Amino acid sequence: MNPDVRALFPGASEQPYFDISANSLMAEPVRAAIERHLGGRTSGRGDKTEMVATVNRARSSFGALIGAAADEVAITKNVSDGLNLFGASLPWQAGDNVVLCPALEHPNNIYLWYSLVRTHGIEVRPVAPEDGHVPVEAMAAAMDERTRLVTIPSITFAPGFVTDMKAIAAAARRVGALTLVDAAQSIGAHRTDVNELGVDALAVAAQKALLSVYGFGFLYVRREVAETLTPVHVARFGIELDAHETAYSDDELRFRPGALRFDVGNYNYLGAAATDAALDLLGGWGVARIEAHVRSLAARLVNGLLDLGLPVVGGSPGPHLAHIVSVGESGGGRHYTADDPAMNSLYDHLTAAGIRLAIRTGMLRFSIGVYNDESDIDRVVEAAEAWCARTRYGQAVREDDNGY
């Protein structure tokens, strides 16, 4: 990417920041949009009509980003909100089943399905991962005529591999099931066309690769699917009525078209202002360019760490690699620690060197953003090399490989 892009993120010059999978650095234009919104609220000049227009502009921009129409996009608080709105609104019957790969899902795309086991008598069909991947064939084999929904992550939060969404969605269609995607880790960093993929619904939050803030998100629902659903939560903004939002009519209840029926009440207008500005940036740069940039940096990081003998999950760069690089044993630990003391030591060393990263399910996770560059990658590799030399990590193995 152009160095001018990096210059828009002041935090990028303060530290090598590799935690966009949790929360992005903020760009100056996004901060400026927040300050304009707060200025209007502080002075009393804020106009609600303009704020709603900002929401709808963000809605349209997000739709364009994923190849959807604006009326196929609902406004949510976060990924969990979107997943729950869609999942709870499906017409479940006792004996229906949902297929997923729990070991690679964020817990918030697991709990809601087991709740439906209690409330609707459905069946959860868990599928085991294969080498850190969501397995297409095993997912397809778990589906049958009672499968109502298949849910998958677009990119896993750990180890960060790309899911073959298109193949899984095709398998779901063959048995008449819908496909719901947790797109928390992909939108803004990975090209996404919902029509090409064939998915029916997709939820995302704004604070990660969409470069915005917590508390704002989107739910895409394919129009043909949305218009068969009765939202589990209903409020004025989801009702078709050509009148002020406080108006009420006792005529027949009419939902707004498409996914607009899932809008509940007043929006997070500050979040909308930030997200609208962030989407303007992404639209200008182009997600294809962003994806090429972050994938190139990820490959550089993988190769550098492999050269040091570190256990990069997934090995050499390949189609599985997007913008997340994980080091350690997949599933070998918890949220903030690894079972392997060496990985905890390396994490502490990198953190002390001023490098921001995370530990997820026992792995060191480096998630790369549009604002990162080769100098950031090289600082990680240099710091890891110093740690390897100090701890003699893998030295006996390397000496043996070299015939000494």
Protein backbone atom coordinates (compact mmCIF):
# COMPACT_ATOMS: atom_id res chain seq x y z
CA MET A 1 0.00 0.00 0.00
CA ASN A 2 1.00 3.62 -0.43
CA PRO A 3 3.01 5.00 2.53
CA ASP A 4 0.41 7.76 2.73
CA VAL A 5 -2.06 5.14 3.95
CA ARG A 6 0.17 4.24 6.91
CA ALA A 7 0.56 7.94 7.71
CA LEU A 8 -3.19 8.18 8.37
CA PHE A 9 -2.74 5.85 11.40
CA PRO A 10 -0.63 7.62 14.05
CA GLY A 11 -0.46 4.45 16.13
CA ALA A 12 1.38 2.64 13.34
CA SER A 13 4.50 4.70 14.00
CA GLU A 14 4.34 4.12 17.76
CA GLN A 15 4.58 0.32 17.73
CA PRO A 16 4.38 -2.65 15.40
CA TYR A 17 0.67 -3.33 15.89
CA PHE A 18 -0.47 -6.85 15.01
CA ASP A 19 -3.85 -7.09 16.72
CA ILE A 20 -6.43 -6.01 14.13
CA SER A 21 -8.21 -9.31 14.77
CA ALA A 22 -9.22 -7.83 18.11
CA ASN A 23 -9.37 -4.11 17.37
CA SER A 24 -7.93 -1.95 14.61
CA LEU A 25 -5.79 1.11 14.96
CA MET A 26 -7.85 4.21 14.22
CA ALA A 27 -7.23 6.42 11.20
CA GLU A 28 -7.26 10.19 11.55
CA PRO A 29 -10.27 10.66 9.21
CA VAL A 30 -12.27 8.27 11.40
CA ARG A 31 -11.30 10.17 14.53
CA ALA A 32 -12.23 13.43 12.80
CA ALA A 33 -15.68 12.05 11.95
CA ILE A 34 -16.17 11.09 15.60
CA GLU A 35 -15.15 14.55 16.74
CA ARG A 36 -17.54 16.20 14.28
CA HIS A 37 -20.36 14.05 15.61
CA LEU A 38 -19.48 14.83 19.22
CA GLY A 39 -19.18 18.52 18.37
CA GLY A 40 -22.71 18.55 17.04
CA ARG A 41 -24.02 16.73 20.10
CA THR A 42 -22.09 19.00 22.48
CA SER A 43 -23.37 22.18 20.85
CA GLY A 44 -26.92 20.92 20.36
CA ARG A 45 -26.63 21.32 16.59
CA GLY A 46 -26.82 17.59 15.94
CA ASP A 47 -29.62 16.81 13.50
CA LYS A 48 -31.22 13.40 13.73
CA THR A 49 -32.25 13.36 10.08
CA GLU A 50 -28.59 13.81 9.13
CA MET A 51 -27.53 11.11 11.59
CA VAL A 52 -29.99 8.63 10.10
CA ALA A 53 -28.68 9.57 6.66
CA THR A 54 -25.18 8.70 7.85
CA VAL A 55 -26.43 5.31 9.03
CA ASN A 56 -27.98 4.62 5.65
CA ARG A 57 -24.89 5.80 3.80
CA ALA A 58 -22.80 3.36 5.85
CA ARG A 59 -25.37 0.66 5.13
CA SER A 60 -25.13 1.26 1.38
CA SER A 61 -21.32 1.40 1.45
CA PHE A 62 -21.14 -1.87 3.32
CA GLY A 63 -23.56 -3.46 0.88
CA ALA A 64 -21.38 -2.35 -2.03
CA LEU A 65 -18.32 -3.76 -0.26
CA ILE A 66 -19.79 -7.28 -0.17
CA GLY A 67 -21.86 -7.22 -3.37
CA ALA A 68 -25.23 -6.77 -1.66
CA ALA A 69 -28.09 -4.30 -2.02
CA ALA A 70 -28.64 -1.77 0.76
CA ASP A 71 -31.96 -3.34 1.73
CA GLU A 72 -30.17 -6.65 2.35
CA VAL A 73 -28.19 -5.05 5.19
CA ALA A 74 -29.42 -4.52 8.76
CA ILE A 75 -27.64 -2.44 11.39
CA THR A 76 -26.46 -4.28 14.50
CA LYS A 77 -24.28 -3.76 17.56
CA ASN A 78 -21.73 -6.48 16.80
CA VAL A 79 -21.26 -9.94 15.33
CA SER A 80 -23.03 -11.69 18.20
CA ASP A 81 -26.06 -9.43 17.78
CA GLY A 82 -26.27 -10.26 14.08
CA LEU A 83 -25.84 -14.00 14.58
CA ASN A 84 -28.54 -14.05 17.25
CA LEU A 85 -31.00 -11.90 15.29
CA PHE A 86 -30.78 -14.21 12.31
CA GLY A 87 -30.54 -17.52 14.15
CA ALA A 88 -33.45 -16.85 16.50
CA SER A 89 -35.68 -15.66 13.65
CA LEU A 90 -35.50 -18.91 11.70
CA PRO A 91 -38.65 -21.09 11.87
CA TRP A 92 -37.07 -23.90 13.88
CA GLN A 93 -38.92 -27.13 14.49
CA ALA A 94 -38.00 -29.85 16.96
CA GLY A 95 -35.59 -32.24 15.29
CA ASP A 96 -34.03 -29.65 12.97
CA ASN A 97 -30.25 -29.47 13.17
CA VAL A 98 -27.45 -26.95 12.80
CA VAL A 99 -23.99 -28.01 11.59
CA LEU A 100 -20.82 -26.24 12.75
CA CYS A 101 -17.18 -26.76 13.70
CA PRO A 102 -17.11 -25.59 17.34
CA ALA A 103 -13.34 -25.97 17.85
CA LEU A 104 -12.76 -23.23 15.28
CA GLU A 105 -15.68 -20.97 16.15
CA HIS A 106 -15.68 -18.00 18.46
CA PRO A 107 -17.79 -19.01 21.49
CA ASN A 108 -20.44 -16.46 20.52
CA ASN A 109 -21.24 -18.58 17.48
CA ILE A 110 -21.70 -21.64 19.70
CA TYR A 111 -23.73 -20.61 22.74
CA LEU A 112 -26.80 -19.47 20.80
CA TRP A 113 -27.25 -22.84 19.10
CA TYR A 114 -27.17 -24.77 22.36
CA SER A 115 -29.70 -22.31 23.73
CA LEU A 116 -31.98 -23.28 20.84
CA VAL A 117 -31.55 -26.92 21.85
CA ARG A 118 -33.29 -26.00 25.12
CA THR A 119 -35.94 -23.70 23.68
CA HIS A 120 -36.79 -25.40 20.37
CA GLY A 121 -35.52 -28.96 20.66
CA ILE A 122 -33.06 -28.68 17.80
CA GLU A 123 -29.90 -30.75 17.40
CA VAL A 124 -26.38 -29.31 17.25
CA ARG A 125 -24.10 -31.38 15.01
CA PRO A 126 -20.46 -30.60 15.83
CA VAL A 127 -17.80 -31.41 13.25
CA ALA A 128 -14.13 -31.80 14.23
CA PRO A 129 -11.51 -29.63 12.49
CA GLU A 130 -8.86 -31.11 10.22
CA ASP A 131 -5.36 -29.67 10.65
CA GLY A 132 -6.82 -26.38 11.82
CA HIS A 133 -9.26 -26.11 8.90
CA VAL A 134 -13.05 -26.21 8.72
CA PRO A 135 -13.36 -29.48 6.76
CA VAL A 136 -15.60 -29.26 3.71
CA GLU A 137 -16.25 -32.98 3.26
CA ALA A 138 -16.95 -33.65 6.93
CA MET A 139 -19.28 -30.65 7.13
CA ALA A 140 -21.16 -31.90 4.06
CA ALA A 141 -21.37 -35.42 5.49
CA ALA A 142 -23.01 -34.06 8.66
CA MET A 143 -25.84 -32.43 6.70
CA ASP A 144 -29.15 -34.10 5.90
CA GLU A 145 -32.76 -33.20 5.06
CA ARG A 146 -33.32 -31.91 8.63
CA THR A 147 -30.36 -29.50 8.49
CA ARG A 148 -31.85 -26.03 8.61
CA LEU A 149 -28.60 -24.11 9.02
CA VAL A 150 -24.86 -24.47 8.50
CA THR A 151 -22.71 -21.84 10.19
CA ILE A 152 -19.03 -21.16 9.55
CA PRO A 153 -16.36 -18.51 10.12
CA SER A 154 -15.05 -16.82 6.97
CA ILE A 155 -11.60 -16.77 8.56
CA THR A 156 -11.09 -18.44 11.92
CA PHE A 157 -10.10 -16.19 14.81
CA ALA A 158 -7.40 -18.78 15.55
CA PRO A 159 -5.36 -20.08 13.81
CA GLY A 160 -6.71 -17.69 11.17
CA PHE A 161 -7.19 -19.98 8.17
CA VAL A 162 -9.51 -19.09 5.28
CA THR A 163 -12.66 -21.23 5.13
CA ASP A 164 -13.87 -22.62 1.80
CA MET A 165 -17.21 -20.85 2.18
CA LYS A 166 -18.32 -21.41 -1.40
CA ALA A 167 -17.97 -25.21 -1.20
CA ILE A 168 -19.72 -25.45 2.17
CA ALA A 169 -22.56 -23.17 1.06
CA ALA A 170 -23.04 -25.31 -2.06
CA ALA A 171 -23.24 -28.45 0.10
CA ALA A 172 -25.82 -26.74 2.32
CA ARG A 173 -27.96 -25.77 -0.67
CA ARG A 174 -28.02 -29.38 -1.85
CA VAL A 175 -29.91 -30.40 1.31
CA GLY A 176 -32.04 -27.24 1.43
CA ALA A 177 -30.12 -25.64 4.31
CA LEU A 178 -29.10 -22.01 4.76
CA THR A 179 -25.54 -20.79 5.37
CA LEU A 180 -24.69 -18.20 8.04
CA VAL A 181 -21.18 -16.71 8.13
CA ASP A 182 -19.32 -15.16 11.05
CA ALA A 183 -17.29 -12.69 9.00
CA ALA A 184 -15.66 -10.93 11.94
CA GLN A 185 -12.12 -11.55 10.68
CA SER A 186 -12.51 -11.05 6.95
CA ILE A 187 -14.56 -8.04 5.85
CA GLY A 188 -12.23 -5.17 5.00
CA ALA A 189 -9.18 -7.44 4.68
CA HIS A 190 -10.42 -10.15 2.34
CA ARG A 191 -12.48 -9.79 -0.83
CA THR A 192 -16.05 -10.93 -0.24
CA ASP A 193 -18.89 -11.27 -2.74
CA VAL A 194 -21.91 -12.83 -1.08
CA ASN A 195 -23.51 -13.74 -4.39
CA GLU A 196 -20.40 -15.48 -5.69
CA LEU A 197 -20.03 -17.35 -2.39
CA GLY A 198 -23.70 -18.32 -2.27
CA VAL A 199 -24.10 -17.59 1.44
CA ASP A 200 -27.47 -16.56 2.86
CA ALA A 201 -26.48 -14.43 5.85
CA LEU A 202 -23.33 -12.82 7.18
CA ALA A 203 -22.55 -10.89 10.36
CA VAL A 204 -19.66 -8.53 11.01
CA ALA A 205 -18.55 -5.92 13.55
CA ALA A 206 -16.89 -2.64 12.68
CA GLN A 207 -13.89 -2.50 15.02
CA LYS A 208 -11.63 -4.98 13.24
CA ALA A 209 -10.69 -4.80 9.54
CA LEU A 210 -13.54 -2.34 8.93
CA LEU A 211 -11.30 0.11 10.85
CA SER A 212 -14.03 1.60 13.02
CA VAL A 213 -15.21 1.27 16.63
CA TYR A 214 -16.88 -1.19 18.97
CA GLY A 215 -20.67 -1.15 19.17
CA PHE A 216 -21.55 -1.01 15.48
CA GLY A 217 -21.99 -3.81 12.97
CA PHE A 218 -23.91 -5.18 10.01
CA LEU A 219 -26.07 -8.20 9.25
CA TYR A 220 -26.44 -9.21 5.62
CA VAL A 221 -29.44 -11.41 4.80
CA ARG A 222 -30.21 -12.42 1.24
CA ARG A 223 -33.47 -10.70 0.31
CA GLU A 224 -35.31 -13.89 -0.65
CA VAL A 225 -34.46 -15.38 2.73
CA ALA A 226 -35.11 -12.26 4.80
CA GLU A 227 -38.63 -11.84 3.45
CA THR A 228 -39.60 -15.31 4.68
CA LEU A 229 -38.58 -14.48 8.25
CA THR A 230 -40.35 -12.85 11.18
CA PRO A 231 -37.75 -11.02 13.28
CA VAL A 232 -37.51 -12.22 16.85
CA HIS A 233 -37.12 -8.57 17.94
CA VAL A 234 -39.46 -6.00 16.42
CA ALA A 235 -39.35 -2.21 16.68
CA ARG A 236 -40.47 0.84 14.76
CA PHE A 237 -37.44 1.09 12.45
CA GLY A 238 -38.18 -2.39 11.12
CA ILE A 239 -41.81 -1.59 10.28
CA GLU A 240 -43.01 -0.29 6.91
CA LEU A 241 -44.90 2.91 7.72
CA ASP A 242 -44.57 6.20 5.86
CA ALA A 243 -44.69 8.39 8.95
CA HIS A 244 -42.59 9.70 11.80
CA GLU A 245 -40.80 7.07 13.88
CA THR A 246 -43.20 7.68 16.77
CA ALA A 247 -46.25 6.99 14.59
CA TYR A 248 -48.37 3.92 15.17
CA SER A 249 -50.89 2.22 12.93
CA ASP A 250 -53.19 -0.64 13.87
CA ASP A 251 -53.31 -1.76 10.25
CA GLU A 252 -51.80 -5.09 9.28
CA LEU A 253 -48.21 -5.43 10.53
CA ARG A 254 -45.88 -4.89 7.58
CA PHE A 255 -42.16 -5.37 7.90
CA ARG A 256 -39.71 -3.33 5.89
CA PRO A 257 -38.30 -5.09 2.83
CA GLY A 258 -35.36 -7.46 3.03
CA ALA A 259 -33.01 -7.26 5.97
CA LEU A 260 -34.27 -3.81 6.97
CA ARG A 261 -36.89 -5.60 9.09
CA PHE A 262 -34.08 -6.55 11.49
CA ASP A 263 -33.35 -2.92 12.42
CA VAL A 264 -34.57 -2.52 15.98
CA GLY A 265 -34.43 1.01 17.38
CA ASN A 266 -32.30 4.11 17.43
CA TYR A 267 -28.81 3.41 16.14
CA ASN A 268 -25.36 3.93 17.56
CA TYR A 269 -25.01 7.20 15.68
CA LEU A 270 -21.45 7.83 16.84
CA GLY A 271 -20.50 4.36 15.62
CA ALA A 272 -22.24 5.08 12.34
CA ALA A 273 -20.25 8.30 11.87
CA ALA A 274 -16.99 6.45 12.47
CA THR A 275 -17.92 3.52 10.26
CA ASP A 276 -19.14 5.72 7.43
CA ALA A 277 -15.75 7.46 7.38
CA ALA A 278 -13.88 4.15 7.58
CA LEU A 279 -15.88 2.68 4.70
CA ASP A 280 -15.02 5.73 2.61
CA LEU A 281 -11.34 4.95 3.18
CA LEU A 282 -11.74 1.27 2.34
CA GLY A 283 -13.72 2.09 -0.78
CA GLY A 284 -11.01 4.44 -1.96
CA TRP A 285 -8.18 1.98 -1.37
CA GLY A 286 -10.03 -1.07 -2.66
CA VAL A 287 -10.22 -4.31 -0.69
CA ALA A 288 -8.41 -6.21 -3.46
CA ARG A 289 -5.34 -4.02 -2.90
CA ILE A 290 -5.65 -4.34 0.86
CA GLU A 291 -5.88 -8.14 0.61
CA ALA A 292 -2.82 -8.33 -1.64
CA HIS A 293 -0.91 -6.11 0.79
CA VAL A 294 -1.73 -7.98 3.99
CA ARG A 295 -1.28 -11.41 2.39
CA SER A 296 2.15 -10.40 1.13
CA LEU A 297 3.16 -9.23 4.59
CA ALA A 298 1.74 -12.41 6.15
CA ALA A 299 3.81 -14.55 3.78
CA ARG A 300 6.93 -12.54 4.64
CA LEU A 301 6.28 -13.07 8.34
CA VAL A 302 5.61 -16.80 7.93
CA ASN A 303 8.81 -17.34 5.98
CA GLY A 304 10.88 -15.34 8.45
CA LEU A 305 9.55 -17.27 11.45
CA LEU A 306 9.89 -20.64 9.72
CA ASP A 307 13.53 -19.83 8.94
CA LEU A 308 14.04 -19.50 12.70
CA GLY A 309 12.53 -22.94 13.27
CA LEU A 310 9.42 -21.60 14.96
CA PRO A 311 6.21 -23.69 14.73
CA VAL A 312 4.06 -21.62 12.38
CA VAL A 313 0.59 -23.16 12.23
CA GLY A 314 -0.19 -24.20 8.67
CA GLY A 315 3.44 -24.15 7.59
CA SER A 316 4.48 -22.41 4.38
CA PRO A 317 2.24 -19.72 2.85
CA GLY A 318 -0.66 -21.07 0.79
CA PRO A 319 -4.35 -20.48 0.02
CA HIS A 320 -5.19 -20.93 3.70
CA LEU A 321 -3.23 -17.79 4.63
CA ALA A 322 -4.95 -14.42 4.73
CA HIS A 323 -3.75 -11.78 7.21
CA ILE A 324 -3.42 -13.85 10.40
CA VAL A 325 -0.26 -15.76 11.31
CA SER A 326 -0.31 -18.09 14.32
CA VAL A 327 2.66 -19.68 16.07
CA GLY A 328 2.48 -22.58 18.50
CA GLU A 329 0.14 -25.53 18.91
CA SER A 330 -3.44 -25.06 17.77
CA GLY A 331 -5.68 -25.53 20.78
CA GLY A 332 -2.69 -25.83 23.07
CA GLY A 333 -3.76 -23.40 25.74
CA ARG A 334 -6.24 -20.72 26.65
CA HIS A 335 -7.11 -17.18 25.70
CA TYR A 336 -4.10 -15.43 27.21
CA THR A 337 -1.58 -18.23 27.77
CA ALA A 338 -0.10 -21.21 25.95
CA ASP A 339 0.54 -24.67 27.35
CA ASP A 340 4.04 -24.49 25.86
CA PRO A 341 6.26 -22.43 28.21
CA ALA A 342 8.45 -21.48 25.24
CA MET A 343 5.52 -19.76 23.53
CA ASN A 344 4.69 -17.81 26.69
CA SER A 345 8.35 -16.78 26.91
CA LEU A 346 8.39 -15.67 23.27
CA TYR A 347 5.18 -13.71 23.79
CA ASP A 348 6.67 -11.91 26.80
CA HIS A 349 9.85 -11.17 24.84
CA LEU A 350 7.98 -9.72 21.86
CA THR A 351 5.72 -7.66 24.10
CA ALA A 352 8.73 -6.28 25.96
CA ALA A 353 10.18 -5.33 22.57
CA GLY A 354 7.13 -3.12 21.99
CA ILE A 355 5.32 -5.46 19.59
CA ARG A 356 1.55 -5.75 20.01
CA LEU A 357 0.13 -9.23 19.39
CA ALA A 358 -2.27 -11.64 21.07
CA ILE A 359 -2.52 -15.19 22.38
CA ARG A 360 -5.58 -17.15 21.28
CA THR A 361 -6.23 -20.82 22.12
CA GLY A 362 -2.59 -21.29 23.03
CA MET A 363 -1.11 -19.72 19.90
CA LEU A 364 0.70 -16.44 19.38
CA ARG A 365 -1.49 -14.57 16.90
CA PHE A 366 -0.16 -11.85 14.62
CA SER A 367 -2.99 -10.15 12.70
CA ILE A 368 -1.88 -7.75 10.00
CA GLY A 369 -3.65 -4.54 9.00
CA VAL A 370 -3.58 -2.16 6.09
CA TYR A 371 -1.32 0.13 8.14
CA ASN A 372 1.47 -2.45 8.62
CA ASP A 373 4.54 -2.52 6.39
CA GLU A 374 7.69 -4.59 5.86
CA SER A 375 9.55 -2.78 8.63
CA ASP A 376 6.97 -4.06 11.13
CA ILE A 377 7.46 -7.62 9.89
CA ASP A 378 11.22 -7.32 10.08
CA ARG A 379 11.05 -6.06 13.66
CA VAL A 380 9.08 -9.14 14.68
CA VAL A 381 11.53 -11.49 12.96
CA GLU A 382 14.53 -9.70 14.45
CA ALA A 383 13.04 -9.81 17.95
CA ALA A 384 12.14 -13.49 17.53
CA GLU A 385 15.65 -14.23 16.31
CA ALA A 386 17.13 -12.57 19.40
CA TRP A 387 14.83 -14.69 21.60
CA CYS A 388 15.83 -17.88 19.76
CA ALA A 389 19.51 -17.05 20.27
CA ARG A 390 19.03 -16.25 23.96
CA THR A 391 16.96 -19.33 24.73
CA ARG A 392 18.76 -21.61 22.22
CA TYR A 393 15.27 -22.50 20.97
CA GLY A 394 15.45 -25.35 18.49
CA GLN A 395 19.22 -25.16 18.31
CA ALA A 396 19.77 -28.87 18.97
CA VAL A 397 17.34 -29.74 16.19
CA ARG A 398 18.97 -27.33 13.74
CA GLU A 399 22.46 -28.59 14.58
CA ASP A 400 21.30 -32.17 14.03
CA ASP A 401 19.72 -31.21 10.69
CA ASN A 402 23.03 -29.65 9.62
CA GLY A 403 24.95 -32.83 10.48
CA TYR A 404 26.90 -31.47 13.44
